[in-house]
Amino acid sequence: VQLQACGGGLVQPGGSLTLSCAASGRTVGDYAIGWFRQDPGKERAFVAAISWSGSTTEYADSVKGRFTISRDNAKNTVNLQMNNLKPDDTALYLCAASKRLGGKAYFYHYWGKGTLVTVSS
């Protein structure tokens, strides 16, 4: 499975961004997709994940109520809608694929290159 994240950029506090993860591969629809974020020198932190069917989602407590993850298997894309962004949301955001839904980075065996989100006034 190959993954490519895009949609990052500079946004003011309180603003919104939508990240997209484009997936390719014969069986991409069989995988849960997760979003993680990483600051330099720190471990990857779980943000959100969605099951292969899209029926189950999980979120980190820090983003609940602000972020929404969704997927379109026909287009092989997973989106992360981010609202009411805060400076603490600034990070490199990465998407990843796993046969198992969850918030642990070691569940995920396929990783894409990240997209940078900067929240600043």
C-alpha atoms as a PDB file:
ATOM      1  CA  VAL A   1       0.000   0.000   0.000  1.00  0.00           C
ATOM      2  CA  GLN A   2       1.330   3.421  -0.974  1.00  0.00           C
ATOM      3  CA  LEU A   3       0.124   6.532   0.819  1.00  0.00           C
ATOM      4  CA  GLN A   4       0.478  10.232   0.142  1.00  0.00           C
ATOM      5  CA  ALA A   5      -0.762  12.952   2.456  1.00  0.00           C
ATOM      6  CA  CYS A   6      -1.510  16.486   1.333  1.00  0.00           C
ATOM      7  CA  GLY A   7      -3.445  19.573   2.346  1.00  0.00           C
ATOM      8  CA  GLY A   8      -1.238  21.034   5.023  1.00  0.00           C
ATOM      9  CA  GLY A   9      -0.395  24.693   5.303  1.00  0.00           C
ATOM     10  CA  LEU A  10      -0.399  27.765   7.481  1.00  0.00           C
ATOM     11  CA  VAL A  11      -3.644  28.635   9.246  1.00  0.00           C
ATOM     12  CA  GLN A  12      -4.598  31.050  11.997  1.00  0.00           C
ATOM     13  CA  PRO A  13      -5.833  29.804  15.373  1.00  0.00           C
ATOM     14  CA  GLY A  14      -9.511  28.973  15.130  1.00  0.00           C
ATOM     15  CA  GLY A  15      -9.217  28.201  11.450  1.00  0.00           C
ATOM     16  CA  SER A  16      -9.823  24.991   9.508  1.00  0.00           C
ATOM     17  CA  LEU A  17      -7.922  22.685   7.191  1.00  0.00           C
ATOM     18  CA  THR A  18      -8.742  19.432   5.434  1.00  0.00           C
ATOM     19  CA  LEU A  19      -5.979  16.900   4.984  1.00  0.00           C
ATOM     20  CA  SER A  20      -6.258  14.140   2.413  1.00  0.00           C
ATOM     21  CA  CYS A  21      -4.528  10.779   2.262  1.00  0.00           C
ATOM     22  CA  ALA A  22      -4.442   9.200  -1.185  1.00  0.00           C
ATOM     23  CA  ALA A  23      -3.938   5.444  -1.075  1.00  0.00           C
ATOM     24  CA  SER A  24      -3.006   3.052  -3.829  1.00  0.00           C
ATOM     25  CA  GLY A  25      -2.633  -0.673  -3.961  1.00  0.00           C
ATOM     26  CA  ARG A  26      -4.767  -3.616  -4.851  1.00  0.00           C
ATOM     27  CA  THR A  27      -6.261  -4.180  -1.396  1.00  0.00           C
ATOM     28  CA  VAL A  28      -6.253  -0.695   0.074  1.00  0.00           C
ATOM     29  CA  GLY A  29      -9.929  -1.042   0.939  1.00  0.00           C
ATOM     30  CA  ASP A  30      -9.028  -3.816   3.388  1.00  0.00           C
ATOM     31  CA  TYR A  31      -6.978  -1.494   5.594  1.00  0.00           C
ATOM     32  CA  ALA A  32      -7.799   0.799   8.444  1.00  0.00           C
ATOM     33  CA  ILE A  33      -6.253   4.217   7.934  1.00  0.00           C
ATOM     34  CA  GLY A  34      -4.854   6.319  10.724  1.00  0.00           C
ATOM     35  CA  TRP A  35      -3.560   9.845  11.062  1.00  0.00           C
ATOM     36  CA  PHE A  36      -0.637  10.616  13.330  1.00  0.00           C
ATOM     37  CA  ARG A  37       1.306  13.781  13.981  1.00  0.00           C
ATOM     38  CA  GLN A  38       4.886  14.348  14.928  1.00  0.00           C
ATOM     39  CA  ASP A  39       6.947  17.197  16.265  1.00  0.00           C
ATOM     40  CA  PRO A  40      10.728  17.217  15.733  1.00  0.00           C
ATOM     41  CA  GLY A  41      12.437  15.026  18.310  1.00  0.00           C
ATOM     42  CA  LYS A  42       9.191  13.548  19.576  1.00  0.00           C
ATOM     43  CA  GLU A  43       7.361  10.296  18.999  1.00  0.00           C
ATOM     44  CA  ARG A  44       4.445  10.075  16.635  1.00  0.00           C
ATOM     45  CA  ALA A  45       1.169  10.830  18.359  1.00  0.00           C
ATOM     46  CA  PHE A  46      -2.149   9.292  17.371  1.00  0.00           C
ATOM     47  CA  VAL A  47      -4.765  11.673  15.989  1.00  0.00           C
ATOM     48  CA  ALA A  48      -7.580   9.663  14.418  1.00  0.00           C
ATOM     49  CA  ALA A  49      -8.302   6.382  12.667  1.00  0.00           C
ATOM     50  CA  ILE A  50     -11.059   4.859  10.570  1.00  0.00           C
ATOM     51  CA  SER A  51     -11.916   1.232   9.868  1.00  0.00           C
ATOM     52  CA  TRP A  52     -11.784  -0.262   6.392  1.00  0.00           C
ATOM     53  CA  SER A  53     -15.549   0.088   6.019  1.00  0.00           C
ATOM     54  CA  GLY A  54     -15.686   3.566   7.503  1.00  0.00           C
ATOM     55  CA  SER A  55     -18.180   2.448  10.116  1.00  0.00           C
ATOM     56  CA  THR A  56     -15.822   2.822  13.079  1.00  0.00           C
ATOM     57  CA  THR A  57     -13.683   5.797  14.000  1.00  0.00           C
ATOM     58  CA  GLU A  58     -11.353   6.599  16.865  1.00  0.00           C
ATOM     59  CA  TYR A  59      -9.955   9.927  18.004  1.00  0.00           C
ATOM     60  CA  ALA A  60      -7.342  11.193  20.389  1.00  0.00           C
ATOM     61  CA  ASP A  61      -8.915  13.071  23.302  1.00  0.00           C
ATOM     62  CA  SER A  62      -7.113  16.241  22.262  1.00  0.00           C
ATOM     63  CA  VAL A  63      -8.960  16.426  18.933  1.00  0.00           C
ATOM     64  CA  LYS A  64     -12.400  15.016  19.775  1.00  0.00           C
ATOM     65  CA  GLY A  65     -15.130  17.385  18.708  1.00  0.00           C
ATOM     66  CA  ARG A  66     -12.759  19.342  16.454  1.00  0.00           C
ATOM     67  CA  PHE A  67     -11.458  16.787  13.943  1.00  0.00           C
ATOM     68  CA  THR A  68     -13.461  14.414  11.746  1.00  0.00           C
ATOM     69  CA  ILE A  69     -12.032  11.501   9.796  1.00  0.00           C
ATOM     70  CA  SER A  70     -13.834  10.047   6.777  1.00  0.00           C
ATOM     71  CA  ARG A  71     -13.051   7.808   3.850  1.00  0.00           C
ATOM     72  CA  ASP A  72     -14.195   7.247   0.288  1.00  0.00           C
ATOM     73  CA  ASN A  73     -13.097   3.773  -0.771  1.00  0.00           C
ATOM     74  CA  ALA A  74     -14.268   4.365  -4.328  1.00  0.00           C
ATOM     75  CA  LYS A  75     -11.699   7.167  -4.558  1.00  0.00           C
ATOM     76  CA  ASN A  76      -9.172   5.522  -2.234  1.00  0.00           C
ATOM     77  CA  THR A  77      -8.961   8.619  -0.094  1.00  0.00           C
ATOM     78  CA  VAL A  78      -9.217   9.360   3.611  1.00  0.00           C
ATOM     79  CA  ASN A  79      -9.830  12.905   4.752  1.00  0.00           C
ATOM     80  CA  LEU A  80      -9.171  14.590   8.060  1.00  0.00           C
ATOM     81  CA  GLN A  81     -11.302  17.680   8.567  1.00  0.00           C
ATOM     82  CA  MET A  82      -9.702  19.859  11.221  1.00  0.00           C
ATOM     83  CA  ASN A  83     -11.700  22.690  12.778  1.00  0.00           C
ATOM     84  CA  ASN A  84     -10.966  25.188  15.520  1.00  0.00           C
ATOM     85  CA  LEU A  85      -7.259  24.637  15.110  1.00  0.00           C
ATOM     86  CA  LYS A  86      -4.914  25.534  17.944  1.00  0.00           C
ATOM     87  CA  PRO A  87      -1.190  26.300  17.983  1.00  0.00           C
ATOM     88  CA  ASP A  88      -0.655  22.934  19.734  1.00  0.00           C
ATOM     89  CA  ASP A  89      -1.967  21.244  16.577  1.00  0.00           C
ATOM     90  CA  THR A  90       1.143  22.390  14.714  1.00  0.00           C
ATOM     91  CA  ALA A  91       3.002  19.287  13.517  1.00  0.00           C
ATOM     92  CA  LEU A  92       3.864  17.066  10.600  1.00  0.00           C
ATOM     93  CA  TYR A  93       0.779  14.964   9.876  1.00  0.00           C
ATOM     94  CA  LEU A  94       1.199  11.461   8.496  1.00  0.00           C
ATOM     95  CA  CYS A  95      -1.282   8.874   7.322  1.00  0.00           C
ATOM     96  CA  ALA A  96      -0.734   5.160   7.704  1.00  0.00           C
ATOM     97  CA  ALA A  97      -2.437   1.864   6.889  1.00  0.00           C
ATOM     98  CA  SER A  98      -3.039  -1.099   9.140  1.00  0.00           C
ATOM     99  CA  LYS A  99      -4.957  -4.353   9.141  1.00  0.00           C
ATOM    100  CA  ARG A 100      -5.929  -3.470  12.711  1.00  0.00           C
ATOM    101  CA  LEU A 101      -7.820  -0.371  13.818  1.00  0.00           C
ATOM    102  CA  GLY A 102      -6.295   1.451  16.723  1.00  0.00           C
ATOM    103  CA  GLY A 103      -4.157   4.265  18.051  1.00  0.00           C
ATOM    104  CA  LYS A 104      -0.815   2.506  18.402  1.00  0.00           C
ATOM    105  CA  ALA A 105       1.801   3.434  15.829  1.00  0.00           C
ATOM    106  CA  TYR A 106       3.132  -0.138  15.796  1.00  0.00           C
ATOM    107  CA  PHE A 107      -0.211  -1.353  14.401  1.00  0.00           C
ATOM    108  CA  TYR A 108       0.593   0.447  11.160  1.00  0.00           C
ATOM    109  CA  HIS A 109       2.940  -1.087   8.635  1.00  0.00           C
ATOM    110  CA  TYR A 110       2.574   1.335   5.754  1.00  0.00           C
ATOM    111  CA  TRP A 111       3.352   5.029   6.128  1.00  0.00           C
ATOM    112  CA  GLY A 112       3.201   7.928   3.751  1.00  0.00           C
ATOM    113  CA  LYS A 113       5.248  11.087   3.761  1.00  0.00           C
ATOM    114  CA  GLY A 114       3.689  13.761   5.895  1.00  0.00           C
ATOM    115  CA  THR A 115       2.172  17.142   5.291  1.00  0.00           C
ATOM    116  CA  LEU A 116       3.051  20.075   7.533  1.00  0.00           C
ATOM    117  CA  VAL A 117       0.357  21.953   9.441  1.00  0.00           C
ATOM    118  CA  THR A 118       1.288  25.229  11.101  1.00  0.00           C
ATOM    119  CA  VAL A 119      -1.210  27.034  13.300  1.00  0.00           C
ATOM    120  CA  SER A 120      -0.027  30.536  14.025  1.00  0.00           C
ATOM    121  CA  SER A 121      -1.210  34.117  13.990  1.00  0.00           C
END
